[in-house]
C-alpha atoms as a PDB file:
ATOM      1  CA  MET A   1      79.060  84.009 101.990  1.00  0.00           C
ATOM      2  CA  GLY A   2      80.332  83.550 105.537  1.00  0.00           C
ATOM      3  CA  GLU A   3      80.809  86.328 108.041  1.00  0.00           C
ATOM      4  CA  ILE A   4      84.129  87.499 109.427  1.00  0.00           C
ATOM      5  CA  VAL A   5      85.180  85.588 112.525  1.00  0.00           C
ATOM      6  CA  GLU A   6      87.054  87.749 115.024  1.00  0.00           C
ATOM      7  CA  ASP A   7      87.424  85.222 117.873  1.00  0.00           C
ATOM      8  CA  LEU A   8      91.061  84.114 118.019  1.00  0.00           C
ATOM      9  CA  ASP A   9      89.874  80.693 119.222  1.00  0.00           C
ATOM     10  CA  THR A  10      88.710  80.012 115.678  1.00  0.00           C
ATOM     11  CA  VAL A  11      92.265  80.125 114.312  1.00  0.00           C
ATOM     12  CA  GLY A  12      92.929  76.813 112.605  1.00  0.00           C
ATOM     13  CA  GLY A  13      89.207  76.309 111.980  1.00  0.00           C
ATOM     14  CA  ARG A  14      87.810  74.959 108.757  1.00  0.00           C
ATOM     15  CA  LEU A  15      88.005  77.170 105.678  1.00  0.00           C
ATOM     16  CA  GLU A  16      85.245  77.251 103.056  1.00  0.00           C
ATOM     17  CA  ALA A  17      85.308  77.487  99.249  1.00  0.00           C
ATOM     18  CA  VAL A  18      84.006  80.501  97.319  1.00  0.00           C
ATOM     19  CA  SER A  19      83.537  81.344  93.613  1.00  0.00           C
ATOM     20  CA  PHE A  20      83.955  84.542  91.576  1.00  0.00           C
ATOM     21  CA  ARG A  21      83.954  85.842  88.010  1.00  0.00           C
ATOM     22  CA  ALA A  22      87.554  87.028  87.562  1.00  0.00           C
ATOM     23  CA  VAL A  23      87.977  90.552  86.192  1.00  0.00           C
ATOM     24  CA  ASN A  24      90.711  93.086  85.557  1.00  0.00           C
ATOM     25  CA  LEU A  25      90.650  96.537  87.111  1.00  0.00           C
ATOM     26  CA  PRO A  26      91.260  99.631  84.938  1.00  0.00           C
ATOM     27  CA  GLU A  27      94.564 100.442  86.644  1.00  0.00           C
ATOM     28  CA  HIS A  28      96.014  97.079  85.616  1.00  0.00           C
ATOM     29  CA  ALA A  29      96.104  98.214  81.976  1.00  0.00           C
ATOM     30  CA  ARG A  30      99.423  99.943  82.745  1.00  0.00           C
ATOM     31  CA  ASN A  31     100.905  96.455  82.267  1.00  0.00           C
ATOM     32  CA  PRO A  32     100.203  95.488  78.630  1.00  0.00           C
ATOM     33  CA  ILE A  33      99.791  91.825  79.602  1.00  0.00           C
ATOM     34  CA  HIS A  34      96.467  92.778  81.232  1.00  0.00           C
ATOM     35  CA  THR A  35      95.038  94.093  77.956  1.00  0.00           C
ATOM     36  CA  ASP A  36      93.838  91.953  75.059  1.00  0.00           C
ATOM     37  CA  GLU A  37      96.283  93.610  72.664  1.00  0.00           C
ATOM     38  CA  GLY A  38      99.297  93.244  74.937  1.00  0.00           C
ATOM     39  CA  ALA A  39      98.460  89.672  75.939  1.00  0.00           C
ATOM     40  CA  GLN A  40      97.982  88.625  72.323  1.00  0.00           C
ATOM     41  CA  ALA A  41     101.338  90.174  71.408  1.00  0.00           C
ATOM     42  CA  ALA A  42     102.889  87.939  74.076  1.00  0.00           C
ATOM     43  CA  GLY A  43     101.154  84.848  72.685  1.00  0.00           C
ATOM     44  CA  PHE A  44      98.081  84.620  74.935  1.00  0.00           C
ATOM     45  CA  PRO A  45      94.476  84.515  73.660  1.00  0.00           C
ATOM     46  CA  ASN A  46      93.272  87.499  75.689  1.00  0.00           C
ATOM     47  CA  ALA A  47      94.026  89.632  78.741  1.00  0.00           C
ATOM     48  CA  LEU A  48      95.537  87.929  81.775  1.00  0.00           C
ATOM     49  CA  VAL A  49      93.930  88.814  85.105  1.00  0.00           C
ATOM     50  CA  ALA A  50      96.487  90.460  87.377  1.00  0.00           C
ATOM     51  CA  GLY A  51      98.043  88.086  89.882  1.00  0.00           C
ATOM     52  CA  VAL A  52      97.168  90.458  92.710  1.00  0.00           C
ATOM     53  CA  SER A  53      93.503  90.189  91.708  1.00  0.00           C
ATOM     54  CA  VAL A  54      93.678  86.395  91.713  1.00  0.00           C
ATOM     55  CA  TYR A  55      95.286  86.613  95.155  1.00  0.00           C
ATOM     56  CA  ALA A  56      92.542  88.996  96.308  1.00  0.00           C
ATOM     57  CA  TYR A  57      89.924  86.401  95.411  1.00  0.00           C
ATOM     58  CA  MET A  58      91.906  83.662  97.176  1.00  0.00           C
ATOM     59  CA  ALA A  59      92.397  85.836 100.280  1.00  0.00           C
ATOM     60  CA  HIS A  60      88.625  85.849 100.815  1.00  0.00           C
ATOM     61  CA  VAL A  61      88.955  82.300 102.179  1.00  0.00           C
ATOM     62  CA  PRO A  62      91.322  82.931 105.155  1.00  0.00           C
ATOM     63  CA  VAL A  63      89.748  86.324 105.904  1.00  0.00           C
ATOM     64  CA  VAL A  64      86.318  84.731 106.336  1.00  0.00           C
ATOM     65  CA  GLY A  65      87.745  81.758 108.234  1.00  0.00           C
ATOM     66  CA  TRP A  66      90.297  83.466 110.462  1.00  0.00           C
ATOM     67  CA  GLY A  67      89.253  87.100 110.472  1.00  0.00           C
ATOM     68  CA  GLY A  68      91.342  89.972 111.763  1.00  0.00           C
ATOM     69  CA  SER A  69      93.966  87.665 113.247  1.00  0.00           C
ATOM     70  CA  TRP A  70      95.046  86.606 109.746  1.00  0.00           C
ATOM     71  CA  LEU A  71      95.137  90.224 108.564  1.00  0.00           C
ATOM     72  CA  SER A  72      97.373  91.234 111.482  1.00  0.00           C
ATOM     73  CA  SER A  73      99.733  88.276 111.868  1.00  0.00           C
ATOM     74  CA  GLY A  74      98.956  85.627 109.260  1.00  0.00           C
ATOM     75  CA  GLY A  75     100.716  84.902 106.035  1.00  0.00           C
ATOM     76  CA  ALA A  76     100.585  83.352 102.601  1.00  0.00           C
ATOM     77  CA  GLN A  77     102.769  82.100  99.806  1.00  0.00           C
ATOM     78  CA  VAL A  78     100.997  82.481  96.484  1.00  0.00           C
ATOM     79  CA  ARG A  79     102.305  80.942  93.271  1.00  0.00           C
ATOM     80  CA  PHE A  80     100.841  81.566  89.837  1.00  0.00           C
ATOM     81  CA  ARG A  81     101.087  78.384  87.764  1.00  0.00           C
ATOM     82  CA  SER A  82      99.177  79.405  84.649  1.00  0.00           C
ATOM     83  CA  PRO A  83      97.064  82.373  83.612  1.00  0.00           C
ATOM     84  CA  VAL A  84      93.577  83.261  84.735  1.00  0.00           C
ATOM     85  CA  PHE A  85      91.912  85.191  81.917  1.00  0.00           C
ATOM     86  CA  ASP A  86      89.507  88.093  82.157  1.00  0.00           C
ATOM     87  CA  GLY A  87      85.981  86.678  82.492  1.00  0.00           C
ATOM     88  CA  ASP A  88      87.001  83.226  83.761  1.00  0.00           C
ATOM     89  CA  ASP A  89      84.830  81.559  86.416  1.00  0.00           C
ATOM     90  CA  LEU A  90      87.224  81.133  89.339  1.00  0.00           C
ATOM     91  CA  ASP A  91      86.741  78.720  92.244  1.00  0.00           C
ATOM     92  CA  CYS A  92      88.852  79.301  95.377  1.00  0.00           C
ATOM     93  CA  VAL A  93      89.063  75.892  97.038  1.00  0.00           C
ATOM     94  CA  PRO A  94      90.755  75.328 100.433  1.00  0.00           C
ATOM     95  CA  VAL A  95      92.530  72.047 101.143  1.00  0.00           C
ATOM     96  CA  GLY A  96      93.950  71.093 104.538  1.00  0.00           C
ATOM     97  CA  ALA A  97      93.313  71.126 108.274  1.00  0.00           C
ATOM     98  CA  GLY A  98      94.464  72.916 111.427  1.00  0.00           C
ATOM     99  CA  ASN A  99      97.144  75.484 110.575  1.00  0.00           C
ATOM    100  CA  ALA A 100      98.244  73.765 107.344  1.00  0.00           C
ATOM    101  CA  TRP A 101      95.984  75.014 104.546  1.00  0.00           C
ATOM    102  CA  ARG A 102      96.312  75.660 100.845  1.00  0.00           C
ATOM    103  CA  VAL A 103      93.848  77.605  98.707  1.00  0.00           C
ATOM    104  CA  ASP A 104      93.684  76.520  95.070  1.00  0.00           C
ATOM    105  CA  ALA A 105      92.461  78.913  92.364  1.00  0.00           C
ATOM    106  CA  VAL A 106      90.654  76.634  89.920  1.00  0.00           C
ATOM    107  CA  VAL A 107      89.313  77.379  86.428  1.00  0.00           C
ATOM    108  CA  GLY A 108      87.490  74.647  84.543  1.00  0.00           C
ATOM    109  CA  GLY A 109      88.856  71.976  86.872  1.00  0.00           C
ATOM    110  CA  GLN A 110      92.486  73.121  86.429  1.00  0.00           C
ATOM    111  CA  VAL A 111      94.523  74.681  89.241  1.00  0.00           C
ATOM    112  CA  ARG A 112      95.851  78.018  87.992  1.00  0.00           C
ATOM    113  CA  ALA A 113      97.346  79.323  91.265  1.00  0.00           C
ATOM    114  CA  THR A 114      97.984  78.073  94.782  1.00  0.00           C
ATOM    115  CA  SER A 115      98.295  79.931  98.062  1.00  0.00           C
ATOM    116  CA  ASP A 116      99.647  78.277 101.186  1.00  0.00           C
ATOM    117  CA  VAL A 117      98.067  80.190 104.065  1.00  0.00           C
ATOM    118  CA  TRP A 118      98.951  80.296 107.745  1.00  0.00           C
ATOM    119  CA  ALA A 119      96.816  81.637 110.573  1.00  0.00           C
ATOM    120  CA  ASP A 120     100.084  82.887 112.041  1.00  0.00           C
ATOM    121  CA  ALA A 121     103.091  83.628 109.823  1.00  0.00           C
ATOM    122  CA  THR A 122     105.343  81.794 112.299  1.00  0.00           C
ATOM    123  CA  HIS A 123     103.848  78.616 110.807  1.00  0.00           C
ATOM    124  CA  ASP A 124     105.512  79.362 107.450  1.00  0.00           C
ATOM    125  CA  PRO A 125     107.674  76.245 106.901  1.00  0.00           C
ATOM    126  CA  SER A 126     110.229  78.392 105.045  1.00  0.00           C
ATOM    127  CA  GLY A 127     110.836  80.379 108.229  1.00  0.00           C
ATOM    128  CA  PRO A 128     110.953  84.154 108.710  1.00  0.00           C
ATOM    129  CA  LEU A 129     111.498  86.595 105.869  1.00  0.00           C
ATOM    130  CA  ARG A 130     115.058  87.878 106.173  1.00  0.00           C
ATOM    131  CA  ARG A 131     116.193  91.355 105.187  1.00  0.00           C
ATOM    132  CA  ARG A 132     118.839  90.625 102.588  1.00  0.00           C
ATOM    133  CA  THR A 133     121.360  92.889 100.933  1.00  0.00           C
ATOM    134  CA  GLY A 134     121.136  93.894  97.287  1.00  0.00           C
ATOM    135  CA  GLU A 135     120.177  96.762  94.987  1.00  0.00           C
ATOM    136  CA  ARG A 136     118.094  99.159  97.071  1.00  0.00           C
ATOM    137  CA  LEU A 137     115.236 100.753  95.189  1.00  0.00           C
ATOM    138  CA  GLU A 138     113.927 104.260  95.728  1.00  0.00           C
ATOM    139  CA  PRO A 139     111.480 104.344  98.657  1.00  0.00           C
ATOM    140  CA  LEU A 140     107.836 104.866  97.765  1.00  0.00           C
ATOM    141  CA  GLU A 141     105.285 106.661  99.938  1.00  0.00           C
ATOM    142  CA  VAL A 142     101.653 105.633  99.510  1.00  0.00           C
ATOM    143  CA  LYS A 143      98.607 107.259 101.076  1.00  0.00           C
ATOM    144  CA  LEU A 144      96.314 104.399 102.044  1.00  0.00           C
ATOM    145  CA  ASP A 145      93.148 105.900 100.643  1.00  0.00           C
ATOM    146  CA  ARG A 146      89.826 104.433  99.526  1.00  0.00           C
ATOM    147  CA  GLU A 147      91.455 102.677  96.546  1.00  0.00           C
ATOM    148  CA  TRP A 148      93.015 100.144  98.924  1.00  0.00           C
ATOM    149  CA  ILE A 149      89.908  99.737 101.083  1.00  0.00           C
ATOM    150  CA  ASP A 150      87.345  98.958  98.377  1.00  0.00           C
ATOM    151  CA  LEU A 151      89.586  96.647  96.343  1.00  0.00           C
ATOM    152  CA  ALA A 152      87.383  93.635  97.126  1.00  0.00           C
ATOM    153  CA  VAL A 153      84.167  95.374  96.093  1.00  0.00           C
ATOM    154  CA  ARG A 154      85.685  96.556  92.815  1.00  0.00           C
ATOM    155  CA  LEU A 155      86.673  92.958  92.051  1.00  0.00           C
ATOM    156  CA  GLY A 156      83.169  91.672  92.783  1.00  0.00           C
ATOM    157  CA  ASP A 157      83.749  90.400  96.341  1.00  0.00           C
ATOM    158  CA  PRO A 158      81.059  91.815  98.675  1.00  0.00           C
ATOM    159  CA  LEU A 159      82.974  91.077 101.901  1.00  0.00           C
ATOM    160  CA  ASP A 160      82.446  94.191 104.028  1.00  0.00           C
ATOM    161  CA  ILE A 161      85.125  94.029 106.747  1.00  0.00           C
ATOM    162  CA  TYR A 162      87.314  96.445 104.786  1.00  0.00           C
ATOM    163  CA  ASP A 163      84.726  99.176 104.300  1.00  0.00           C
ATOM    164  CA  ARG A 164      83.124  98.612 107.701  1.00  0.00           C
ATOM    165  CA  ASP A 165      86.363  98.855 109.682  1.00  0.00           C
ATOM    166  CA  GLY A 166      88.476 100.973 107.307  1.00  0.00           C
ATOM    167  CA  VAL A 167      90.922  98.083 106.938  1.00  0.00           C
ATOM    168  CA  VAL A 168      93.306  97.889 103.980  1.00  0.00           C
ATOM    169  CA  HIS A 169      92.714  94.816 101.802  1.00  0.00           C
ATOM    170  CA  PRO A 170      95.566  92.248 101.992  1.00  0.00           C
ATOM    171  CA  ALA A 171      95.952  92.233  98.202  1.00  0.00           C
ATOM    172  CA  ALA A 172      97.003  95.875  98.464  1.00  0.00           C
ATOM    173  CA  TRP A 173     100.469  94.779  99.576  1.00  0.00           C
ATOM    174  CA  PRO A 174     101.504  92.786  96.479  1.00  0.00           C
ATOM    175  CA  SER A 175      99.702  95.386  94.356  1.00  0.00           C
ATOM    176  CA  ILE A 176     101.822  98.172  95.858  1.00  0.00           C
ATOM    177  CA  ALA A 177     104.897  95.983  95.374  1.00  0.00           C
ATOM    178  CA  ASN A 178     103.892  95.710  91.721  1.00  0.00           C
ATOM    179  CA  THR A 179     103.799  99.507  91.479  1.00  0.00           C
ATOM    180  CA  VAL A 180     107.455  99.590  92.495  1.00  0.00           C
ATOM    181  CA  MET A 181     108.256  96.772  90.078  1.00  0.00           C
ATOM    182  CA  HIS A 182     106.506  98.636  87.247  1.00  0.00           C
ATOM    183  CA  THR A 183     108.304 101.928  87.846  1.00  0.00           C
ATOM    184  CA  GLN A 184     111.767 100.756  88.869  1.00  0.00           C
ATOM    185  CA  VAL A 185     112.463  97.179  87.766  1.00  0.00           C
ATOM    186  CA  VAL A 186     110.561  95.881  84.721  1.00  0.00           C
ATOM    187  CA  GLU A 187     110.925  96.382  80.971  1.00  0.00           C
ATOM    188  CA  GLY A 188     107.711  96.256  78.911  1.00  0.00           C
ATOM    189  CA  ALA A 189     105.205  93.462  79.530  1.00  0.00           C
ATOM    190  CA  TRP A 190     105.866  91.483  82.696  1.00  0.00           C
ATOM    191  CA  ILE A 191     104.305  88.713  84.791  1.00  0.00           C
ATOM    192  CA  HIS A 192     104.012  88.429  88.574  1.00  0.00           C
ATOM    193  CA  THR A 193     104.890  84.797  89.420  1.00  0.00           C
ATOM    194  CA  ARG A 194     104.861  84.453  93.217  1.00  0.00           C
ATOM    195  CA  SER A 195     104.845  86.258  96.549  1.00  0.00           C
ATOM    196  CA  ARG A 196     105.600  85.160 100.103  1.00  0.00           C
ATOM    197  CA  ILE A 197     103.732  87.521 102.425  1.00  0.00           C
ATOM    198  CA  HIS A 198     104.001  87.948 106.204  1.00  0.00           C
ATOM    199  CA  HIS A 199     101.470  90.268 107.823  1.00  0.00           C
ATOM    200  CA  ARG A 200     102.851  92.123 110.834  1.00  0.00           C
ATOM    201  CA  SER A 201     100.001  94.526 111.664  1.00  0.00           C
ATOM    202  CA  ILE A 202      96.731  95.873 110.250  1.00  0.00           C
ATOM    203  CA  ALA A 203      96.781  99.131 108.279  1.00  0.00           C
ATOM    204  CA  HIS A 204      93.836 101.516 108.106  1.00  0.00           C
ATOM    205  CA  GLU A 205      92.464 104.064 105.698  1.00  0.00           C
ATOM    206  CA  GLY A 206      94.287 107.393 105.822  1.00  0.00           C
ATOM    207  CA  GLU A 207      97.635 106.078 107.058  1.00  0.00           C
ATOM    208  CA  GLN A 208     100.856 106.873 105.199  1.00  0.00           C
ATOM    209  CA  LEU A 209     102.786 103.812 104.052  1.00  0.00           C
ATOM    210  CA  VAL A 210     106.520 103.806 103.312  1.00  0.00           C
ATOM    211  CA  VAL A 211     107.688 101.051 100.962  1.00  0.00           C
ATOM    212  CA  GLN A 212     111.327  99.968 100.789  1.00  0.00           C
ATOM    213  CA  GLY A 213     112.354  97.423  98.154  1.00  0.00           C
ATOM    214  CA  THR A 214     115.647  95.601  97.646  1.00  0.00           C
ATOM    215  CA  VAL A 215     116.412  93.597  94.494  1.00  0.00           C
ATOM    216  CA  PHE A 216     117.940  90.454  95.942  1.00  0.00           C
ATOM    217  CA  GLU A 217     118.403  88.427  92.760  1.00  0.00           C
ATOM    218  CA  ARG A 218     118.079  88.559  88.965  1.00  0.00           C
ATOM    219  CA  PHE A 219     118.273  85.464  86.748  1.00  0.00           C
ATOM    220  CA  ASP A 220     117.185  84.153  83.346  1.00  0.00           C
ATOM    221  CA  SER A 221     114.483  81.526  82.919  1.00  0.00           C
ATOM    222  CA  ARG A 222     112.965  79.840  79.874  1.00  0.00           C
ATOM    223  CA  VAL A 223     110.421  82.615  79.294  1.00  0.00           C
ATOM    224  CA  GLY A 224     112.318  85.680  80.429  1.00  0.00           C
ATOM    225  CA  GLU A 225     114.436  87.532  82.957  1.00  0.00           C
ATOM    226  CA  ARG A 226     113.223  87.163  86.536  1.00  0.00           C
ATOM    227  CA  ALA A 227     113.800  89.307  89.594  1.00  0.00           C
ATOM    228  CA  VAL A 228     113.293  88.601  93.291  1.00  0.00           C
ATOM    229  CA  VAL A 229     112.625  91.717  95.357  1.00  0.00           C
ATOM    230  CA  ASP A 230     112.303  91.950  99.142  1.00  0.00           C
ATOM    231  CA  PHE A 231     109.821  94.545 100.393  1.00  0.00           C
ATOM    232  CA  VAL A 232     109.272  96.030 103.836  1.00  0.00           C
ATOM    233  CA  MET A 233     106.195  98.250 104.183  1.00  0.00           C
ATOM    234  CA  SER A 234     105.762 100.389 107.286  1.00  0.00           C
ATOM    235  CA  VAL A 235     103.536 103.028 108.836  1.00  0.00           C
ATOM    236  CA  GLY A 236     105.819 105.153 110.980  1.00  0.00           C
ATOM    237  CA  ASP A 237     107.897 102.775 113.111  1.00  0.00           C
ATOM    238  CA  ARG A 238     105.331  99.973 112.724  1.00  0.00           C
ATOM    239  CA  VAL A 239     106.028  97.290 110.137  1.00  0.00           C
ATOM    240  CA  VAL A 240     102.794  96.346 108.378  1.00  0.00           C
ATOM    241  CA  VAL A 241     103.980  93.616 106.014  1.00  0.00           C
ATOM    242  CA  GLU A 242     107.082  91.933 104.611  1.00  0.00           C
ATOM    243  CA  ILE A 243     107.058  90.391 101.138  1.00  0.00           C
ATOM    244  CA  GLU A 244     109.375  88.297  98.985  1.00  0.00           C
ATOM    245  CA  HIS A 245     108.133  89.140  95.485  1.00  0.00           C
ATOM    246  CA  GLU A 246     109.139  87.447  92.221  1.00  0.00           C
ATOM    247  CA  ALA A 247     108.245  88.372  88.650  1.00  0.00           C
ATOM    248  CA  ILE A 248     109.269  87.815  85.056  1.00  0.00           C
ATOM    249  CA  VAL A 249     110.435  91.372  84.479  1.00  0.00           C
ATOM    250  CA  LYS A 250     111.378  91.023  80.812  1.00  0.00           C
ATOM    251  CA  VAL A 251     109.485  88.580  78.580  1.00  0.00           C
ATOM    252  CA  PHE A 252     111.742  87.022  75.922  1.00  0.00           C
ATOM    253  CA  ASP A 253     110.554  87.103  72.295  1.00  0.00           C
END
């Protein structure tokens, strides 16, 4: 696999494909959809791999191509089209040029998720993430310990920038957002459907993160009730990341 590129002159350079065997982590079993039993009860053949894990695999591509600049000021919009199942062979395939790239998560020739990625979040065609009014959730404080540093290794990605530099993995942010969703928003089995993520600064091991979520919208869809939640995550006065996070929070029978 490629090495991390730290030179800012490489921003907009060519991104390279990478492949993984997709797996679930033990902590994902708190959502029944990530267990065989829970997934089968919802009509799936076996456990769905958590969306944040799929995103973690996809994030390998811009991290290798753009390095620390993407972790500190880049962005992504990831959409989950159809499930990736535990044990699937997953290809993360970049398509594009310059600052306009998309990473496709492909299983058996079928695109299961897409992630538009920007070397700088100002290139997001949807514009900046705005802090909207709505139902404010209880703030969550998270100690950024080893769990968030070695996320890649636990998923089978040997990229060492996180352990080497004590840098928090970018998939930590939607994963932490999911913790808030699980404890304050969802009912039973639920499915993460998309996230728009703007990195504002790099976070390091040992820092204390404060997470503020606001439920901006709730609406019904064909498969269940959905919620859109805006998150701002900060260390002290420094904003680390902003996220627009959407999930099916109640799966209809």
